[in-house]
Amino acid sequence: MPSSVVAGIRYEAAHARLTITFNGGRVYQYFLVPPNVAADFQAAPSKGAFFNLNIRARYACREVERPKRSAR
Protein backbone atom coordinates (compact mmCIF):
# COMPACT_ATOMS: atom_id res chain seq x y z
CA MET A 1 0.00 0.00 0.00
CA PRO A 2 1.45 3.43 -0.90
CA SER A 3 2.39 5.63 2.03
CA SER A 4 2.18 9.39 2.37
CA VAL A 5 5.32 9.28 4.54
CA VAL A 6 7.51 6.33 3.52
CA ALA A 7 8.82 5.83 -0.02
CA GLY A 8 10.89 2.72 0.61
CA ILE A 9 11.89 0.16 3.22
CA ARG A 10 14.88 -2.20 3.16
CA TYR A 11 15.86 -4.59 5.93
CA GLU A 12 19.24 -6.32 6.23
CA ALA A 13 18.73 -9.21 8.65
CA ALA A 14 22.45 -10.02 8.89
CA HIS A 15 23.05 -6.56 10.38
CA ALA A 16 19.58 -5.96 11.93
CA ARG A 17 19.60 -2.71 9.97
CA LEU A 18 16.43 -1.06 8.68
CA THR A 19 16.81 1.57 5.97
CA ILE A 20 13.88 3.88 5.40
CA THR A 21 13.54 6.31 2.52
CA PHE A 22 11.03 9.04 3.26
CA ASN A 23 8.94 10.74 0.60
CA GLY A 24 10.88 13.96 1.05
CA GLY A 25 14.02 12.13 -0.09
CA ARG A 26 15.79 11.73 3.24
CA VAL A 27 17.18 8.29 4.03
CA TYR A 28 17.79 6.95 7.55
CA GLN A 29 19.28 3.72 8.84
CA TYR A 30 17.95 2.28 12.10
CA PHE A 31 20.14 -0.17 14.01
CA LEU A 32 19.46 -3.36 16.01
CA VAL A 33 15.89 -3.57 14.72
CA PRO A 34 14.48 -7.07 15.32
CA PRO A 35 13.26 -8.97 12.23
CA ASN A 36 9.68 -9.11 13.52
CA VAL A 37 9.54 -5.31 13.87
CA ALA A 38 10.84 -4.87 10.30
CA ALA A 39 8.32 -7.40 8.96
CA ASP A 40 5.45 -5.77 10.85
CA PHE A 41 6.51 -2.37 9.51
CA GLN A 42 6.53 -3.62 5.93
CA ALA A 43 3.06 -5.15 6.41
CA ALA A 44 1.54 -2.20 8.30
CA PRO A 45 -1.41 -0.51 6.57
CA SER A 46 -0.17 2.86 7.87
CA LYS A 47 3.61 3.08 7.59
CA GLY A 48 3.72 6.52 9.19
CA ALA A 49 1.71 5.48 12.25
CA PHE A 50 3.73 2.29 12.70
CA PHE A 51 7.00 4.20 12.33
CA ASN A 52 6.00 6.80 14.92
CA LEU A 53 4.80 4.21 17.46
CA ASN A 54 7.35 1.44 17.01
CA ILE A 55 10.56 2.73 15.43
CA ARG A 56 11.07 6.46 15.85
CA ALA A 57 12.92 7.24 19.10
CA ARG A 58 13.22 3.50 19.91
CA TYR A 59 16.27 2.61 17.81
CA ALA A 60 19.56 4.36 17.23
CA CYS A 61 19.73 5.86 13.76
CA ARG A 62 21.73 7.99 11.40
CA GLU A 63 20.87 9.90 8.27
CA VAL A 64 22.46 8.48 5.15
CA GLU A 65 24.11 11.11 3.02
CA ARG A 66 22.67 11.19 -0.45
CA PRO A 67 25.18 11.13 -3.30
CA LYS A 68 25.86 14.55 -4.73
CA ARG A 69 25.00 15.00 -8.38
CA SER A 70 27.95 15.80 -10.55
CA ALA A 71 27.89 18.96 -12.65
CA ARG A 72 28.08 18.47 -16.37
PDB file of N, CA and C in Angstrom:
ATOM      1  N   MET A   1       0.838  -1.177   0.000  1.00  0.00           N
ATOM      2  CA  MET A   1       0.000   0.000   0.000  1.00  0.00           C
ATOM      3  C   MET A   1       0.886   1.245   0.000  1.00  0.00           C
ATOM      4  N   PRO A   2       0.648   2.200  -0.875  1.00  0.00           N
ATOM      5  CA  PRO A   2       1.448   3.429  -0.898  1.00  0.00           C
ATOM      6  C   PRO A   2       1.310   4.192   0.419  1.00  0.00           C
ATOM      7  N   SER A   3       2.370   4.878   0.775  1.00  0.00           N
ATOM      8  CA  SER A   3       2.389   5.631   2.025  1.00  0.00           C
ATOM      9  C   SER A   3       2.598   7.109   1.730  1.00  0.00           C
ATOM     10  N   SER A   4       1.987   7.949   2.532  1.00  0.00           N
ATOM     11  CA  SER A   4       2.183   9.392   2.371  1.00  0.00           C
ATOM     12  C   SER A   4       3.463   9.854   3.055  1.00  0.00           C
ATOM     13  N   VAL A   5       4.113   8.937   3.790  1.00  0.00           N
ATOM     14  CA  VAL A   5       5.321   9.281   4.543  1.00  0.00           C
ATOM     15  C   VAL A   5       6.548   8.510   4.059  1.00  0.00           C
ATOM     16  N   VAL A   6       6.390   7.223   3.807  1.00  0.00           N
ATOM     17  CA  VAL A   6       7.512   6.327   3.518  1.00  0.00           C
ATOM     18  C   VAL A   6       7.527   5.944   2.038  1.00  0.00           C
ATOM     19  N   ALA A   7       8.670   6.184   1.397  1.00  0.00           N
ATOM     20  CA  ALA A   7       8.822   5.834  -0.020  1.00  0.00           C
ATOM     21  C   ALA A   7       9.429   4.453  -0.203  1.00  0.00           C
ATOM     22  N   GLY A   8      10.250   4.011   0.753  1.00  0.00           N
ATOM     23  CA  GLY A   8      10.893   2.717   0.613  1.00  0.00           C
ATOM     24  C   GLY A   8      11.400   2.179   1.934  1.00  0.00           C
ATOM     25  N   ILE A   9      11.417   0.844   2.028  1.00  0.00           N
ATOM     26  CA  ILE A   9      11.888   0.157   3.224  1.00  0.00           C
ATOM     27  C   ILE A   9      12.810  -0.976   2.783  1.00  0.00           C
ATOM     28  N   ARG A  10      13.969  -1.069   3.420  1.00  0.00           N
ATOM     29  CA  ARG A  10      14.877  -2.199   3.162  1.00  0.00           C
ATOM     30  C   ARG A  10      15.396  -2.700   4.500  1.00  0.00           C
ATOM     31  N   TYR A  11      15.381  -4.007   4.684  1.00  0.00           N
ATOM     32  CA  TYR A  11      15.864  -4.593   5.929  1.00  0.00           C
ATOM     33  C   TYR A  11      16.990  -5.562   5.631  1.00  0.00           C
ATOM     34  N   GLU A  12      18.087  -5.427   6.355  1.00  0.00           N
ATOM     35  CA  GLU A  12      19.236  -6.318   6.227  1.00  0.00           C
ATOM     36  C   GLU A  12      19.324  -7.130   7.513  1.00  0.00           C
ATOM     37  N   ALA A  13      18.811  -8.353   7.456  1.00  0.00           N
ATOM     38  CA  ALA A  13      18.732  -9.206   8.646  1.00  0.00           C
ATOM     39  C   ALA A  13      20.107  -9.499   9.238  1.00  0.00           C
ATOM     40  N   ALA A  14      21.110  -9.690   8.399  1.00  0.00           N
ATOM     41  CA  ALA A  14      22.453 -10.019   8.885  1.00  0.00           C
ATOM     42  C   ALA A  14      23.022  -8.925   9.790  1.00  0.00           C
ATOM     43  N   HIS A  15      22.556  -7.689   9.594  1.00  0.00           N
ATOM     44  CA  HIS A  15      23.046  -6.557  10.382  1.00  0.00           C
ATOM     45  C   HIS A  15      21.961  -5.956  11.276  1.00  0.00           C
ATOM     46  N   ALA A  16      20.738  -6.506  11.199  1.00  0.00           N
ATOM     47  CA  ALA A  16      19.585  -5.965  11.934  1.00  0.00           C
ATOM     48  C   ALA A  16      19.436  -4.476  11.656  1.00  0.00           C
ATOM     49  N   ARG A  17      19.619  -4.116  10.375  1.00  0.00           N
ATOM     50  CA  ARG A  17      19.598  -2.708   9.969  1.00  0.00           C
ATOM     51  C   ARG A  17      18.392  -2.454   9.063  1.00  0.00           C
ATOM     52  N   LEU A  18      17.603  -1.463   9.433  1.00  0.00           N
ATOM     53  CA  LEU A  18      16.426  -1.061   8.680  1.00  0.00           C
ATOM     54  C   LEU A  18      16.712   0.278   8.018  1.00  0.00           C
ATOM     55  N   THR A  19      16.589   0.327   6.710  1.00  0.00           N
ATOM     56  CA  THR A  19      16.814   1.566   5.975  1.00  0.00           C
ATOM     57  C   THR A  19      15.473   2.058   5.465  1.00  0.00           C
ATOM     58  N   ILE A  20      15.157   3.296   5.790  1.00  0.00           N
ATOM     59  CA  ILE A  20      13.879   3.882   5.399  1.00  0.00           C
ATOM     60  C   ILE A  20      14.144   5.113   4.545  1.00  0.00           C
ATOM     61  N   THR A  21      13.507   5.135   3.383  1.00  0.00           N
ATOM     62  CA  THR A  21      13.542   6.312   2.522  1.00  0.00           C
ATOM     63  C   THR A  21      12.201   7.011   2.676  1.00  0.00           C
ATOM     64  N   PHE A  22      12.257   8.267   3.066  1.00  0.00           N
ATOM     65  CA  PHE A  22      11.034   9.039   3.263  1.00  0.00           C
ATOM     66  C   PHE A  22      10.671   9.765   1.972  1.00  0.00           C
ATOM     67  N   ASN A  23       9.412  10.107   1.836  1.00  0.00           N
ATOM     68  CA  ASN A  23       8.939  10.736   0.604  1.00  0.00           C
ATOM     69  C   ASN A  23       9.648  12.046   0.282  1.00  0.00           C
ATOM     70  N   GLY A  24      10.146  12.726   1.279  1.00  0.00           N
ATOM     71  CA  GLY A  24      10.883  13.964   1.048  1.00  0.00           C
ATOM     72  C   GLY A  24      12.287  13.734   0.510  1.00  0.00           C
ATOM     73  N   GLY A  25      12.714  12.452   0.445  1.00  0.00           N
ATOM     74  CA  GLY A  25      14.025  12.129  -0.091  1.00  0.00           C
ATOM     75  C   GLY A  25      15.081  11.788   0.943  1.00  0.00           C
ATOM     76  N   ARG A  26      14.811  12.051   2.206  1.00  0.00           N
ATOM     77  CA  ARG A  26      15.792  11.727   3.244  1.00  0.00           C
ATOM     78  C   ARG A  26      15.801  10.234   3.491  1.00  0.00           C
ATOM     79  N   VAL A  27      17.003   9.714   3.793  1.00  0.00           N
ATOM     80  CA  VAL A  27      17.180   8.286   4.033  1.00  0.00           C
ATOM     81  C   VAL A  27      17.837   8.113   5.396  1.00  0.00           C
ATOM     82  N   TYR A  28      17.251   7.231   6.217  1.00  0.00           N
ATOM     83  CA  TYR A  28      17.786   6.950   7.552  1.00  0.00           C
ATOM     84  C   TYR A  28      17.986   5.454   7.720  1.00  0.00           C
ATOM     85  N   GLN A  29      19.035   5.110   8.455  1.00  0.00           N
ATOM     86  CA  GLN A  29      19.279   3.725   8.837  1.00  0.00           C
ATOM     87  C   GLN A  29      19.019   3.610  10.330  1.00  0.00           C
ATOM     88  N   TYR A  30      18.264   2.574  10.701  1.00  0.00           N
ATOM     89  CA  TYR A  30      17.951   2.277  12.100  1.00  0.00           C
ATOM     90  C   TYR A  30      18.638   0.971  12.454  1.00  0.00           C
ATOM     91  N   PHE A  31      19.275   0.941  13.633  1.00  0.00           N
ATOM     92  CA  PHE A  31      20.138  -0.171  14.009  1.00  0.00           C
ATOM     93  C   PHE A  31      19.535  -1.054  15.098  1.00  0.00           C
ATOM     94  N   LEU A  32      19.898  -2.341  15.047  1.00  0.00           N
ATOM     95  CA  LEU A  32      19.461  -3.356  16.009  1.00  0.00           C
ATOM     96  C   LEU A  32      17.936  -3.503  16.032  1.00  0.00           C
ATOM     97  N   VAL A  33      17.340  -3.397  14.855  1.00  0.00           N
ATOM     98  CA  VAL A  33      15.891  -3.571  14.717  1.00  0.00           C
ATOM     99  C   VAL A  33      15.610  -5.064  14.550  1.00  0.00           C
ATOM    100  N   PRO A  34      14.791  -5.647  15.427  1.00  0.00           N
ATOM    101  CA  PRO A  34      14.483  -7.073  15.316  1.00  0.00           C
ATOM    102  C   PRO A  34      13.727  -7.394  14.014  1.00  0.00           C
ATOM    103  N   PRO A  35      13.924  -8.590  13.489  1.00  0.00           N
ATOM    104  CA  PRO A  35      13.263  -8.968  12.231  1.00  0.00           C
ATOM    105  C   PRO A  35      11.740  -8.863  12.284  1.00  0.00           C
ATOM    106  N   ASN A  36      11.143  -9.187  13.436  1.00  0.00           N
ATOM    107  CA  ASN A  36       9.681  -9.107  13.521  1.00  0.00           C
ATOM    108  C   ASN A  36       9.175  -7.668  13.431  1.00  0.00           C
ATOM    109  N   VAL A  37       9.931  -6.720  13.955  1.00  0.00           N
ATOM    110  CA  VAL A  37       9.542  -5.306  13.868  1.00  0.00           C
ATOM    111  C   VAL A  37       9.626  -4.849  12.408  1.00  0.00           C
ATOM    112  N   ALA A  38      10.695  -5.231  11.715  1.00  0.00           N
ATOM    113  CA  ALA A  38      10.845  -4.866  10.304  1.00  0.00           C
ATOM    114  C   ALA A  38       9.722  -5.472   9.463  1.00  0.00           C
ATOM    115  N   ALA A  39       9.392  -6.735   9.715  1.00  0.00           N
ATOM    116  CA  ALA A  39       8.323  -7.403   8.963  1.00  0.00           C
ATOM    117  C   ALA A  39       6.975  -6.747   9.243  1.00  0.00           C
ATOM    118  N   ASP A  40       6.716  -6.430  10.499  1.00  0.00           N
ATOM    119  CA  ASP A  40       5.451  -5.773  10.849  1.00  0.00           C
ATOM    120  C   ASP A  40       5.362  -4.391  10.211  1.00  0.00           C
ATOM    121  N   PHE A  41       6.475  -3.688  10.150  1.00  0.00           N
ATOM    122  CA  PHE A  41       6.512  -2.368   9.513  1.00  0.00           C
ATOM    123  C   PHE A  41       6.168  -2.492   8.029  1.00  0.00           C
ATOM    124  N   GLN A  42       6.788  -3.445   7.355  1.00  0.00           N
ATOM    125  CA  GLN A  42       6.533  -3.620   5.926  1.00  0.00           C
ATOM    126  C   GLN A  42       5.079  -3.998   5.657  1.00  0.00           C
ATOM    127  N   ALA A  43       4.442  -4.711   6.593  1.00  0.00           N
ATOM    128  CA  ALA A  43       3.061  -5.149   6.412  1.00  0.00           C
ATOM    129  C   ALA A  43       2.029  -4.145   6.937  1.00  0.00           C
ATOM    130  N   ALA A  44       2.468  -3.141   7.659  1.00  0.00           N
ATOM    131  CA  ALA A  44       1.536  -2.204   8.296  1.00  0.00           C
ATOM    132  C   ALA A  44       0.722  -1.425   7.266  1.00  0.00           C
ATOM    133  N   PRO A  45      -0.580  -1.291   7.497  1.00  0.00           N
ATOM    134  CA  PRO A  45      -1.408  -0.514   6.574  1.00  0.00           C
ATOM    135  C   PRO A  45      -1.066   0.976   6.606  1.00  0.00           C
ATOM    136  N   SER A  46      -0.596   1.471   7.762  1.00  0.00           N
ATOM    137  CA  SER A  46      -0.171   2.863   7.869  1.00  0.00           C
ATOM    138  C   SER A  46       1.298   2.875   8.292  1.00  0.00           C
ATOM    139  N   LYS A  47       2.167   3.084   7.315  1.00  0.00           N
ATOM    140  CA  LYS A  47       3.610   3.079   7.591  1.00  0.00           C
ATOM    141  C   LYS A  47       3.984   4.203   8.548  1.00  0.00           C
ATOM    142  N   GLY A  48       3.398   5.382   8.343  1.00  0.00           N
ATOM    143  CA  GLY A  48       3.721   6.522   9.193  1.00  0.00           C
ATOM    144  C   GLY A  48       3.346   6.283  10.644  1.00  0.00           C
ATOM    145  N   ALA A  49       2.158   5.754  10.878  1.00  0.00           N
ATOM    146  CA  ALA A  49       1.713   5.480  12.248  1.00  0.00           C
ATOM    147  C   ALA A  49       2.589   4.407  12.893  1.00  0.00           C
ATOM    148  N   PHE A  50       2.882   3.348  12.143  1.00  0.00           N
ATOM    149  CA  PHE A  50       3.731   2.287  12.698  1.00  0.00           C
ATOM    150  C   PHE A  50       5.112   2.836  13.019  1.00  0.00           C
ATOM    151  N   PHE A  51       5.680   3.609  12.111  1.00  0.00           N
ATOM    152  CA  PHE A  51       7.000   4.199  12.328  1.00  0.00           C
ATOM    153  C   PHE A  51       7.016   5.034  13.606  1.00  0.00           C
ATOM    154  N   ASN A  52       6.028   5.912  13.759  1.00  0.00           N
ATOM    155  CA  ASN A  52       5.997   6.795  14.924  1.00  0.00           C
ATOM    156  C   ASN A  52       5.838   6.033  16.236  1.00  0.00           C
ATOM    157  N   LEU A  53       5.058   4.968  16.232  1.00  0.00           N
ATOM    158  CA  LEU A  53       4.804   4.212  17.458  1.00  0.00           C
ATOM    159  C   LEU A  53       5.878   3.186  17.790  1.00  0.00           C
ATOM    160  N   ASN A  54       6.506   2.614  16.769  1.00  0.00           N
ATOM    161  CA  ASN A  54       7.354   1.440  17.013  1.00  0.00           C
ATOM    162  C   ASN A  54       8.824   1.567  16.611  1.00  0.00           C
ATOM    163  N   ILE A  55       9.173   2.622  15.894  1.00  0.00           N
ATOM    164  CA  ILE A  55      10.564   2.730  15.431  1.00  0.00           C
ATOM    165  C   ILE A  55      11.195   4.052  15.854  1.00  0.00           C
ATOM    166  N   ARG A  56      10.542   5.140  15.538  1.00  0.00           N
ATOM    167  CA  ARG A  56      11.070   6.464  15.850  1.00  0.00           C
ATOM    168  C   ARG A  56      11.352   6.556  17.351  1.00  0.00           C
ATOM    169  N   ALA A  57      12.494   7.044  17.708  1.00  0.00           N
ATOM    170  CA  ALA A  57      12.923   7.238  19.101  1.00  0.00           C
ATOM    171  C   ALA A  57      13.085   5.932  19.884  1.00  0.00           C
ATOM    172  N   ARG A  58      12.999   4.779  19.220  1.00  0.00           N
ATOM    173  CA  ARG A  58      13.222   3.498  19.909  1.00  0.00           C
ATOM    174  C   ARG A  58      14.544   2.857  19.498  1.00  0.00           C
ATOM    175  N   TYR A  59      15.040   3.218  18.323  1.00  0.00           N
ATOM    176  CA  TYR A  59      16.271   2.611  17.812  1.00  0.00           C
ATOM    177  C   TYR A  59      17.243   3.710  17.414  1.00  0.00           C
ATOM    178  N   ALA A  60      18.517   3.425  17.644  1.00  0.00           N
ATOM    179  CA  ALA A  60      19.558   4.360  17.226  1.00  0.00           C
ATOM    180  C   ALA A  60      19.511   4.474  15.708  1.00  0.00           C
ATOM    181  N   CYS A  61      19.777   5.674  15.214  1.00  0.00           N
ATOM    182  CA  CYS A  61      19.726   5.864  13.763  1.00  0.00           C
ATOM    183  C   CYS A  61      20.733   6.902  13.321  1.00  0.00           C
ATOM    184  N   ARG A  62      20.911   6.932  12.009  1.00  0.00           N
ATOM    185  CA  ARG A  62      21.732   7.992  11.402  1.00  0.00           C
ATOM    186  C   ARG A  62      21.163   8.277  10.031  1.00  0.00           C
ATOM    187  N   GLU A  63      21.301   9.525   9.618  1.00  0.00           N
ATOM    188  CA  GLU A  63      20.872   9.896   8.270  1.00  0.00           C
ATOM    189  C   GLU A  63      21.952   9.481   7.285  1.00  0.00           C
ATOM    190  N   VAL A  64      21.533   8.894   6.191  1.00  0.00           N
ATOM    191  CA  VAL A  64      22.463   8.480   5.146  1.00  0.00           C
ATOM    192  C   VAL A  64      22.607   9.649   4.188  1.00  0.00           C
ATOM    193  N   GLU A  65      23.856  10.016   3.944  1.00  0.00           N
ATOM    194  CA  GLU A  65      24.106  11.113   3.023  1.00  0.00           C
ATOM    195  C   GLU A  65      23.778  10.686   1.606  1.00  0.00           C
ATOM    196  N   ARG A  66      23.008  11.489   0.940  1.00  0.00           N
ATOM    197  CA  ARG A  66      22.668  11.194  -0.448  1.00  0.00           C
ATOM    198  C   ARG A  66      23.835  11.574  -1.348  1.00  0.00           C
ATOM    199  N   PRO A  67      24.083  10.790  -2.393  1.00  0.00           N
ATOM    200  CA  PRO A  67      25.180  11.130  -3.297  1.00  0.00           C
ATOM    201  C   PRO A  67      24.933  12.470  -3.958  1.00  0.00           C
ATOM    202  N   LYS A  68      25.979  13.233  -4.062  1.00  0.00           N
ATOM    203  CA  LYS A  68      25.864  14.548  -4.732  1.00  0.00           C
ATOM    204  C   LYS A  68      25.865  14.326  -6.237  1.00  0.00           C
ATOM    205  N   ARG A  69      25.047  15.111  -6.908  1.00  0.00           N
ATOM    206  CA  ARG A  69      24.999  15.005  -8.375  1.00  0.00           C
ATOM    207  C   ARG A  69      26.195  15.751  -8.946  1.00  0.00           C
ATOM    208  N   SER A  70      26.800  15.158  -9.938  1.00  0.00           N
ATOM    209  CA  SER A  70      27.953  15.797 -10.552  1.00  0.00           C
ATOM    210  C   SER A  70      27.480  16.823 -11.587  1.00  0.00           C
ATOM    211  N   ALA A  71      28.204  17.902 -11.664  1.00  0.00           N
ATOM    212  CA  ALA A  71      27.888  18.957 -12.649  1.00  0.00           C
ATOM    213  C   ALA A  71      28.411  18.529 -14.006  1.00  0.00           C
ATOM    214  N   ARG A  72      27.643  18.818 -15.009  1.00  0.00           N
ATOM    215  CA  ARG A  72      28.076  18.467 -16.367  1.00  0.00           C
ATOM    216  C   ARG A  72      28.446  19.676 -17.150  1.00  0.00           C
TER     217      ARG A  72
END
